[in-house]
Amino acid sequence: MGKLNNKKIPARRSQTTNRDSRLDLGIYGKDEALIVIEKNAGNKLLPAKDDSIFSNEIIENELNFKEIFELTDDVEINKFLIEKSTELYKLHSKTALELGKIFVDVEEKLSGSNQYDGVYTKWLDKNGFNKMTALRYKRRYRLFEQLETVVGKNILMTLPQKMIDELSLKPEEDIKKYLKLLDEGKNKQELQMIMENKIEVVQIASMVDFDFSKEYEKINDKLKKISFDNLDNKKKETLEKDIQRIEKILEKYV
């Protein structure tokens, strides 16, 4: 895509990489480490020896492995680190979803009878989990099982826990709408912007009706109306972040 205009775009700030937040292997909660990993789980939600559910491309794009692990000048070492990070992520994701299913199964089994009031919480405690940690796993699993496409499942597994919690608390109708967007391939950044009402969901009837040149002109016209020098610091920072998100989205089509 050519230049949108000649307007000066703010220089990208050098970003100090917060390894924990960017790698985000704690996306399912940080207060307790995973203490259960089943090597041969009878539950076939995510078969231990079948990684077909995972897309390495989505994992690397959504979690920015390449950016994080440019730690050495040795290409082979960097590649090795990315591969191992991907393995860690897959293991963590499978285990987290298996745990979510276990917690859902136990809670449903104990519900509906006064004689078992309080047993679920006591059972969690005996197994080294608190109620809030279990809730996080249950929320992710319940959203995961409603998705219909591999792409949607992949993207959901990369979402930070804050987004999972926020999504889970939406009305049922909204939850279905957002999950449909994941099934259609909306990535983490796009979903976040839609949930924050920063962009609208545009339904395109067909590719025949889509005029790329007109859409390009609309975007270009809006950029020309922006006077960066007249923005306050907060808006400048927000604009910079939005531009970076757009750049990231467009990279998929270059």
C-alpha atoms as a PDB file:
ATOM      1  CA  MET A   1       0.000   0.000   0.000  1.00  0.00           C
ATOM      2  CA  GLY A   2       1.374   3.405  -0.905  1.00  0.00           C
ATOM      3  CA  LYS A   3       1.732   6.379   1.377  1.00  0.00           C
ATOM      4  CA  LEU A   4      -1.545   7.605   2.761  1.00  0.00           C
ATOM      5  CA  ASN A   5      -0.397  11.210   2.780  1.00  0.00           C
ATOM      6  CA  ASN A   6       2.621  13.393   3.443  1.00  0.00           C
ATOM      7  CA  LYS A   7       1.558  14.324   6.954  1.00  0.00           C
ATOM      8  CA  LYS A   8       4.190  13.776   9.592  1.00  0.00           C
ATOM      9  CA  ILE A   9       3.437  10.686  11.615  1.00  0.00           C
ATOM     10  CA  PRO A  10       4.698  10.656  15.223  1.00  0.00           C
ATOM     11  CA  ALA A  11       7.928   8.771  15.656  1.00  0.00           C
ATOM     12  CA  ARG A  12       7.417   5.401  17.267  1.00  0.00           C
ATOM     13  CA  ARG A  13       8.627   5.334  20.814  1.00  0.00           C
ATOM     14  CA  SER A  14      11.240   2.852  21.810  1.00  0.00           C
ATOM     15  CA  GLN A  15       9.356   0.318  23.828  1.00  0.00           C
ATOM     16  CA  THR A  16      10.835  -1.436  26.784  1.00  0.00           C
ATOM     17  CA  THR A  17       9.645  -4.993  26.479  1.00  0.00           C
ATOM     18  CA  ASN A  18       7.859  -6.296  29.497  1.00  0.00           C
ATOM     19  CA  ARG A  19       8.609  -9.967  28.951  1.00  0.00           C
ATOM     20  CA  ASP A  20       5.922 -11.241  31.270  1.00  0.00           C
ATOM     21  CA  SER A  21       3.122  -9.135  29.813  1.00  0.00           C
ATOM     22  CA  ARG A  22       4.081  -9.620  26.156  1.00  0.00           C
ATOM     23  CA  LEU A  23       4.793 -13.344  26.295  1.00  0.00           C
ATOM     24  CA  ASP A  24       1.816 -13.569  28.621  1.00  0.00           C
ATOM     25  CA  LEU A  25       2.063 -17.218  29.555  1.00  0.00           C
ATOM     26  CA  GLY A  26       0.194 -15.941  32.611  1.00  0.00           C
ATOM     27  CA  ILE A  27      -2.820 -14.963  30.527  1.00  0.00           C
ATOM     28  CA  TYR A  28      -4.891 -17.401  32.551  1.00  0.00           C
ATOM     29  CA  GLY A  29      -3.983 -15.880  35.926  1.00  0.00           C
ATOM     30  CA  LYS A  30      -0.738 -15.223  37.776  1.00  0.00           C
ATOM     31  CA  ASP A  31      -1.546 -15.907  41.412  1.00  0.00           C
ATOM     32  CA  GLU A  32      -1.194 -19.672  41.132  1.00  0.00           C
ATOM     33  CA  ALA A  33       1.050 -21.743  38.890  1.00  0.00           C
ATOM     34  CA  LEU A  34      -0.393 -24.647  36.971  1.00  0.00           C
ATOM     35  CA  ILE A  35       0.188 -27.706  39.116  1.00  0.00           C
ATOM     36  CA  VAL A  36      -1.682 -30.297  37.075  1.00  0.00           C
ATOM     37  CA  ILE A  37      -0.402 -31.463  33.674  1.00  0.00           C
ATOM     38  CA  GLU A  38      -1.948 -34.673  32.364  1.00  0.00           C
ATOM     39  CA  LYS A  39       0.309 -36.541  29.949  1.00  0.00           C
ATOM     40  CA  ASN A  40      -2.409 -38.924  28.813  1.00  0.00           C
ATOM     41  CA  ALA A  41      -5.649 -37.149  29.597  1.00  0.00           C
ATOM     42  CA  GLY A  42      -8.786 -39.139  28.978  1.00  0.00           C
ATOM     43  CA  ASN A  43     -10.490 -35.859  28.141  1.00  0.00           C
ATOM     44  CA  LYS A  44     -10.041 -35.236  24.404  1.00  0.00           C
ATOM     45  CA  LEU A  45     -10.758 -31.494  24.449  1.00  0.00           C
ATOM     46  CA  LEU A  46      -7.223 -30.894  23.217  1.00  0.00           C
ATOM     47  CA  PRO A  47      -5.466 -34.218  22.560  1.00  0.00           C
ATOM     48  CA  ALA A  48      -1.940 -34.142  23.977  1.00  0.00           C
ATOM     49  CA  LYS A  49      -0.357 -35.535  20.804  1.00  0.00           C
ATOM     50  CA  ASP A  50      -2.431 -33.583  18.286  1.00  0.00           C
ATOM     51  CA  ASP A  51      -1.424 -29.960  17.710  1.00  0.00           C
ATOM     52  CA  SER A  52      -3.692 -29.516  14.691  1.00  0.00           C
ATOM     53  CA  ILE A  53      -5.888 -27.224  16.803  1.00  0.00           C
ATOM     54  CA  PHE A  54      -2.999 -24.754  17.042  1.00  0.00           C
ATOM     55  CA  SER A  55      -1.859 -22.344  14.350  1.00  0.00           C
ATOM     56  CA  ASN A  56       1.794 -21.364  14.778  1.00  0.00           C
ATOM     57  CA  GLU A  57       1.179 -18.264  12.660  1.00  0.00           C
ATOM     58  CA  ILE A  58      -1.600 -17.012  14.936  1.00  0.00           C
ATOM     59  CA  ILE A  59       0.425 -17.810  18.051  1.00  0.00           C
ATOM     60  CA  GLU A  60       3.463 -15.867  16.826  1.00  0.00           C
ATOM     61  CA  ASN A  61       1.399 -12.918  15.528  1.00  0.00           C
ATOM     62  CA  GLU A  62      -0.793 -12.545  18.602  1.00  0.00           C
ATOM     63  CA  LEU A  63       1.920 -13.077  21.221  1.00  0.00           C
ATOM     64  CA  ASN A  64       4.749 -11.311  19.363  1.00  0.00           C
ATOM     65  CA  PHE A  65       7.282 -14.100  19.873  1.00  0.00           C
ATOM     66  CA  LYS A  66       9.503 -12.785  17.100  1.00  0.00           C
ATOM     67  CA  GLU A  67       9.752  -9.355  18.683  1.00  0.00           C
ATOM     68  CA  ILE A  68      10.422 -10.738  22.148  1.00  0.00           C
ATOM     69  CA  PHE A  69      13.032 -13.278  21.209  1.00  0.00           C
ATOM     70  CA  GLU A  70      15.352 -11.262  19.019  1.00  0.00           C
ATOM     71  CA  LEU A  71      17.716 -11.627  21.949  1.00  0.00           C
ATOM     72  CA  THR A  72      20.854 -12.721  20.136  1.00  0.00           C
ATOM     73  CA  ASP A  73      22.600 -12.218  16.811  1.00  0.00           C
ATOM     74  CA  ASP A  74      22.376 -15.947  16.165  1.00  0.00           C
ATOM     75  CA  VAL A  75      19.405 -16.695  13.890  1.00  0.00           C
ATOM     76  CA  GLU A  76      19.372 -20.373  14.840  1.00  0.00           C
ATOM     77  CA  ILE A  77      19.303 -19.592  18.572  1.00  0.00           C
ATOM     78  CA  ASN A  78      16.452 -17.108  18.085  1.00  0.00           C
ATOM     79  CA  LYS A  79      14.516 -19.675  16.059  1.00  0.00           C
ATOM     80  CA  PHE A  80      15.090 -22.273  18.775  1.00  0.00           C
ATOM     81  CA  LEU A  81      13.807 -19.875  21.467  1.00  0.00           C
ATOM     82  CA  ILE A  82      10.686 -19.102  19.439  1.00  0.00           C
ATOM     83  CA  GLU A  83       9.991 -22.812  18.948  1.00  0.00           C
ATOM     84  CA  LYS A  84      10.349 -23.511  22.676  1.00  0.00           C
ATOM     85  CA  SER A  85       8.142 -20.555  23.582  1.00  0.00           C
ATOM     86  CA  THR A  86       5.503 -21.907  21.202  1.00  0.00           C
ATOM     87  CA  GLU A  87       5.745 -25.321  22.882  1.00  0.00           C
ATOM     88  CA  LEU A  88       5.323 -23.720  26.310  1.00  0.00           C
ATOM     89  CA  TYR A  89       2.322 -21.759  25.128  1.00  0.00           C
ATOM     90  CA  LYS A  90       0.637 -24.840  23.642  1.00  0.00           C
ATOM     91  CA  LEU A  91       1.223 -26.875  26.792  1.00  0.00           C
ATOM     92  CA  HIS A  92      -0.082 -24.077  28.998  1.00  0.00           C
ATOM     93  CA  SER A  93      -3.150 -23.512  26.810  1.00  0.00           C
ATOM     94  CA  LYS A  94      -4.099 -27.195  26.706  1.00  0.00           C
ATOM     95  CA  THR A  95      -3.673 -27.567  30.441  1.00  0.00           C
ATOM     96  CA  ALA A  96      -5.663 -24.415  31.198  1.00  0.00           C
ATOM     97  CA  LEU A  97      -8.604 -25.588  29.104  1.00  0.00           C
ATOM     98  CA  GLU A  98      -8.493 -29.078  30.612  1.00  0.00           C
ATOM     99  CA  LEU A  99      -8.571 -27.487  34.079  1.00  0.00           C
ATOM    100  CA  GLY A 100     -11.499 -25.291  33.059  1.00  0.00           C
ATOM    101  CA  LYS A 101     -13.477 -28.353  31.983  1.00  0.00           C
ATOM    102  CA  ILE A 102     -12.681 -30.188  35.223  1.00  0.00           C
ATOM    103  CA  PHE A 103     -13.874 -27.234  37.315  1.00  0.00           C
ATOM    104  CA  VAL A 104     -17.073 -26.909  35.252  1.00  0.00           C
ATOM    105  CA  ASP A 105     -17.791 -30.644  35.541  1.00  0.00           C
ATOM    106  CA  VAL A 106     -17.304 -30.705  39.317  1.00  0.00           C
ATOM    107  CA  GLU A 107     -19.307 -27.543  39.935  1.00  0.00           C
ATOM    108  CA  GLU A 108     -22.221 -28.818  37.829  1.00  0.00           C
ATOM    109  CA  LYS A 109     -22.137 -32.209  39.549  1.00  0.00           C
ATOM    110  CA  LEU A 110     -22.352 -30.600  42.997  1.00  0.00           C
ATOM    111  CA  SER A 111     -24.973 -27.996  42.105  1.00  0.00           C
ATOM    112  CA  GLY A 112     -28.699 -28.310  42.655  1.00  0.00           C
ATOM    113  CA  SER A 113     -28.597 -30.005  46.044  1.00  0.00           C
ATOM    114  CA  ASN A 114     -28.416 -28.283  49.416  1.00  0.00           C
ATOM    115  CA  GLN A 115     -26.489 -31.194  50.888  1.00  0.00           C
ATOM    116  CA  TYR A 116     -23.441 -30.198  48.797  1.00  0.00           C
ATOM    117  CA  ASP A 117     -23.428 -26.469  49.620  1.00  0.00           C
ATOM    118  CA  GLY A 118     -19.835 -25.350  50.127  1.00  0.00           C
ATOM    119  CA  VAL A 119     -18.344 -28.674  48.969  1.00  0.00           C
ATOM    120  CA  TYR A 120     -17.088 -27.209  45.676  1.00  0.00           C
ATOM    121  CA  THR A 121     -15.015 -24.507  47.413  1.00  0.00           C
ATOM    122  CA  LYS A 122     -13.647 -27.023  49.910  1.00  0.00           C
ATOM    123  CA  TRP A 123     -12.760 -29.393  47.072  1.00  0.00           C
ATOM    124  CA  LEU A 124     -10.892 -26.599  45.283  1.00  0.00           C
ATOM    125  CA  ASP A 125      -8.929 -25.802  48.415  1.00  0.00           C
ATOM    126  CA  LYS A 126      -7.949 -29.447  48.889  1.00  0.00           C
ATOM    127  CA  ASN A 127      -6.545 -29.443  45.360  1.00  0.00           C
ATOM    128  CA  GLY A 128      -4.582 -26.209  45.732  1.00  0.00           C
ATOM    129  CA  PHE A 129      -6.875 -23.775  43.896  1.00  0.00           C
ATOM    130  CA  ASN A 130      -8.948 -20.859  45.110  1.00  0.00           C
ATOM    131  CA  LYS A 131     -12.395 -19.969  43.793  1.00  0.00           C
ATOM    132  CA  MET A 132     -11.273 -16.971  41.712  1.00  0.00           C
ATOM    133  CA  THR A 133      -8.524 -18.918  39.959  1.00  0.00           C
ATOM    134  CA  ALA A 134     -10.996 -21.683  39.083  1.00  0.00           C
ATOM    135  CA  LEU A 135     -13.449 -19.056  37.832  1.00  0.00           C
ATOM    136  CA  ARG A 136     -10.885 -17.732  35.363  1.00  0.00           C
ATOM    137  CA  TYR A 137     -10.294 -21.203  33.925  1.00  0.00           C
ATOM    138  CA  LYS A 138     -14.031 -21.895  33.722  1.00  0.00           C
ATOM    139  CA  ARG A 139     -14.696 -18.650  31.870  1.00  0.00           C
ATOM    140  CA  ARG A 140     -12.075 -19.367  29.225  1.00  0.00           C
ATOM    141  CA  TYR A 141     -13.263 -22.948  28.753  1.00  0.00           C
ATOM    142  CA  ARG A 142     -16.944 -21.970  28.458  1.00  0.00           C
ATOM    143  CA  LEU A 143     -16.142 -19.408  25.769  1.00  0.00           C
ATOM    144  CA  PHE A 144     -13.817 -21.849  23.996  1.00  0.00           C
ATOM    145  CA  GLU A 145     -16.440 -24.581  23.724  1.00  0.00           C
ATOM    146  CA  GLN A 146     -18.901 -22.179  22.071  1.00  0.00           C
ATOM    147  CA  LEU A 147     -16.533 -21.361  19.204  1.00  0.00           C
ATOM    148  CA  GLU A 148     -16.964 -23.202  15.916  1.00  0.00           C
ATOM    149  CA  THR A 149     -13.734 -22.545  13.982  1.00  0.00           C
ATOM    150  CA  VAL A 150     -10.108 -23.437  14.616  1.00  0.00           C
ATOM    151  CA  VAL A 151      -9.157 -19.810  13.944  1.00  0.00           C
ATOM    152  CA  GLY A 152     -11.603 -18.555  16.567  1.00  0.00           C
ATOM    153  CA  LYS A 153     -10.369 -21.072  19.146  1.00  0.00           C
ATOM    154  CA  ASN A 154      -6.748 -20.127  18.445  1.00  0.00           C
ATOM    155  CA  ILE A 155      -7.366 -16.424  18.902  1.00  0.00           C
ATOM    156  CA  LEU A 156      -9.421 -16.917  22.064  1.00  0.00           C
ATOM    157  CA  MET A 157      -6.567 -18.890  23.622  1.00  0.00           C
ATOM    158  CA  THR A 158      -4.256 -15.897  23.110  1.00  0.00           C
ATOM    159  CA  LEU A 159      -6.602 -13.383  24.756  1.00  0.00           C
ATOM    160  CA  PRO A 160      -5.402 -11.941  28.080  1.00  0.00           C
ATOM    161  CA  GLN A 161      -7.476 -12.840  31.111  1.00  0.00           C
ATOM    162  CA  LYS A 162      -8.741  -9.276  31.447  1.00  0.00           C
ATOM    163  CA  MET A 163     -10.447  -9.570  28.056  1.00  0.00           C
ATOM    164  CA  ILE A 164     -11.836 -13.009  28.918  1.00  0.00           C
ATOM    165  CA  ASP A 165     -13.345 -11.637  32.138  1.00  0.00           C
ATOM    166  CA  GLU A 166     -14.728  -8.592  30.363  1.00  0.00           C
ATOM    167  CA  LEU A 167     -16.239 -10.708  27.602  1.00  0.00           C
ATOM    168  CA  SER A 168     -17.729 -13.245  30.027  1.00  0.00           C
ATOM    169  CA  LEU A 169     -19.619 -10.509  31.889  1.00  0.00           C
ATOM    170  CA  LYS A 170     -21.335  -9.203  28.751  1.00  0.00           C
ATOM    171  CA  PRO A 171     -25.016 -10.001  28.061  1.00  0.00           C
ATOM    172  CA  GLU A 172     -25.487 -13.359  26.336  1.00  0.00           C
ATOM    173  CA  GLU A 173     -26.429 -11.704  23.057  1.00  0.00           C
ATOM    174  CA  ASP A 174     -23.203  -9.664  23.046  1.00  0.00           C
ATOM    175  CA  ILE A 175     -21.101 -12.698  23.934  1.00  0.00           C
ATOM    176  CA  LYS A 176     -22.466 -14.545  20.887  1.00  0.00           C
ATOM    177  CA  LYS A 177     -21.752 -11.514  18.703  1.00  0.00           C
ATOM    178  CA  TYR A 178     -18.123 -11.258  19.863  1.00  0.00           C
ATOM    179  CA  LEU A 179     -17.532 -14.992  19.559  1.00  0.00           C
ATOM    180  CA  LYS A 180     -18.884 -14.851  16.000  1.00  0.00           C
ATOM    181  CA  LEU A 181     -16.281 -12.182  15.249  1.00  0.00           C
ATOM    182  CA  LEU A 182     -13.546 -14.479  16.571  1.00  0.00           C
ATOM    183  CA  ASP A 183     -14.852 -17.315  14.401  1.00  0.00           C
ATOM    184  CA  GLU A 184     -14.637 -14.936  11.437  1.00  0.00           C
ATOM    185  CA  GLY A 185     -10.979 -14.268  12.215  1.00  0.00           C
ATOM    186  CA  LYS A 186     -11.016 -10.944  14.079  1.00  0.00           C
ATOM    187  CA  ASN A 187      -7.752 -10.752  15.994  1.00  0.00           C
ATOM    188  CA  LYS A 188      -7.129  -9.607  19.546  1.00  0.00           C
ATOM    189  CA  GLN A 189      -6.526  -5.958  18.637  1.00  0.00           C
ATOM    190  CA  GLU A 190      -9.595  -5.746  16.394  1.00  0.00           C
ATOM    191  CA  LEU A 191     -11.832  -7.367  19.003  1.00  0.00           C
ATOM    192  CA  GLN A 192     -10.545  -5.038  21.722  1.00  0.00           C
ATOM    193  CA  MET A 193     -11.266  -1.962  19.600  1.00  0.00           C
ATOM    194  CA  ILE A 194     -14.774  -3.211  18.806  1.00  0.00           C
ATOM    195  CA  MET A 195     -15.464  -3.942  22.482  1.00  0.00           C
ATOM    196  CA  GLU A 196     -14.254  -0.435  23.372  1.00  0.00           C
ATOM    197  CA  ASN A 197     -16.485   1.039  20.638  1.00  0.00           C
ATOM    198  CA  LYS A 198     -13.450   2.525  18.897  1.00  0.00           C
ATOM    199  CA  ILE A 199     -14.452   0.957  15.596  1.00  0.00           C
ATOM    200  CA  GLU A 200     -17.738  -0.341  14.252  1.00  0.00           C
ATOM    201  CA  VAL A 201     -18.374  -3.792  12.860  1.00  0.00           C
ATOM    202  CA  VAL A 202     -18.922  -3.340   9.158  1.00  0.00           C
ATOM    203  CA  GLN A 203     -20.724  -6.109   7.318  1.00  0.00           C
ATOM    204  CA  ILE A 204     -19.658  -6.367   3.669  1.00  0.00           C
ATOM    205  CA  ALA A 205     -22.327  -8.005   1.505  1.00  0.00           C
ATOM    206  CA  SER A 206     -19.837  -9.349  -1.018  1.00  0.00           C
ATOM    207  CA  MET A 207     -16.405  -8.635  -2.457  1.00  0.00           C
ATOM    208  CA  VAL A 208     -18.099  -7.405  -5.640  1.00  0.00           C
ATOM    209  CA  ASP A 209     -19.688  -4.547  -3.681  1.00  0.00           C
ATOM    210  CA  PHE A 210     -16.446  -3.574  -1.956  1.00  0.00           C
ATOM    211  CA  ASP A 211     -14.655  -0.668  -3.658  1.00  0.00           C
ATOM    212  CA  PHE A 212     -11.109  -0.617  -2.298  1.00  0.00           C
ATOM    213  CA  SER A 213     -10.248   2.719  -3.960  1.00  0.00           C
ATOM    214  CA  LYS A 214     -13.181   4.495  -2.313  1.00  0.00           C
ATOM    215  CA  GLU A 215     -12.391   3.021   1.087  1.00  0.00           C
ATOM    216  CA  TYR A 216      -8.758   4.094   0.672  1.00  0.00           C
ATOM    217  CA  GLU A 217      -9.870   7.638  -0.166  1.00  0.00           C
ATOM    218  CA  LYS A 218     -12.129   7.775   2.901  1.00  0.00           C
ATOM    219  CA  ILE A 219      -9.260   6.774   5.184  1.00  0.00           C
ATOM    220  CA  ASN A 220      -6.888   9.209   3.484  1.00  0.00           C
ATOM    221  CA  ASP A 221      -9.381  12.085   3.829  1.00  0.00           C
ATOM    222  CA  LYS A 222      -9.811  11.412   7.540  1.00  0.00           C
ATOM    223  CA  LEU A 223      -6.041  11.343   8.076  1.00  0.00           C
ATOM    224  CA  LYS A 224      -5.689  14.698   6.321  1.00  0.00           C
ATOM    225  CA  LYS A 225      -8.162  16.227   8.783  1.00  0.00           C
ATOM    226  CA  ILE A 226      -6.029  15.233  11.767  1.00  0.00           C
ATOM    227  CA  SER A 227      -3.809  18.011  13.075  1.00  0.00           C
ATOM    228  CA  PHE A 228      -1.262  16.155  15.175  1.00  0.00           C
ATOM    229  CA  ASP A 229       0.313  19.325  16.594  1.00  0.00           C
ATOM    230  CA  ASN A 230      -3.040  20.439  18.011  1.00  0.00           C
ATOM    231  CA  LEU A 231      -3.643  17.223  19.934  1.00  0.00           C
ATOM    232  CA  ASP A 232      -2.933  16.971  23.638  1.00  0.00           C
ATOM    233  CA  ASN A 233      -0.384  14.422  24.846  1.00  0.00           C
ATOM    234  CA  LYS A 234      -2.985  11.804  25.725  1.00  0.00           C
ATOM    235  CA  LYS A 235      -4.581  11.954  22.275  1.00  0.00           C
ATOM    236  CA  LYS A 236      -1.158  11.886  20.610  1.00  0.00           C
ATOM    237  CA  GLU A 237      -0.295   8.726  22.524  1.00  0.00           C
ATOM    238  CA  THR A 238      -3.650   7.129  21.662  1.00  0.00           C
ATOM    239  CA  LEU A 239      -3.244   8.033  17.982  1.00  0.00           C
ATOM    240  CA  GLU A 240       0.212   6.514  17.922  1.00  0.00           C
ATOM    241  CA  LYS A 241      -1.068   3.264  19.423  1.00  0.00           C
ATOM    242  CA  ASP A 242      -3.983   3.121  16.967  1.00  0.00           C
ATOM    243  CA  ILE A 243      -1.641   3.652  14.023  1.00  0.00           C
ATOM    244  CA  GLN A 244       0.558   0.831  15.280  1.00  0.00           C
ATOM    245  CA  ARG A 245      -2.490  -1.446  15.546  1.00  0.00           C
ATOM    246  CA  ILE A 246      -3.529  -0.588  11.983  1.00  0.00           C
ATOM    247  CA  GLU A 247       0.005  -1.267  10.748  1.00  0.00           C
ATOM    248  CA  LYS A 248      -0.065  -4.640  12.476  1.00  0.00           C
ATOM    249  CA  ILE A 249      -3.387  -5.529  10.840  1.00  0.00           C
ATOM    250  CA  LEU A 250      -2.197  -4.476   7.392  1.00  0.00           C
ATOM    251  CA  GLU A 251       0.984  -6.555   7.685  1.00  0.00           C
ATOM    252  CA  LYS A 252      -1.162  -9.660   7.126  1.00  0.00           C
ATOM    253  CA  TYR A 253      -1.971  -8.518   3.587  1.00  0.00           C
ATOM    254  CA  VAL A 254       1.421  -7.258   2.434  1.00  0.00           C
END
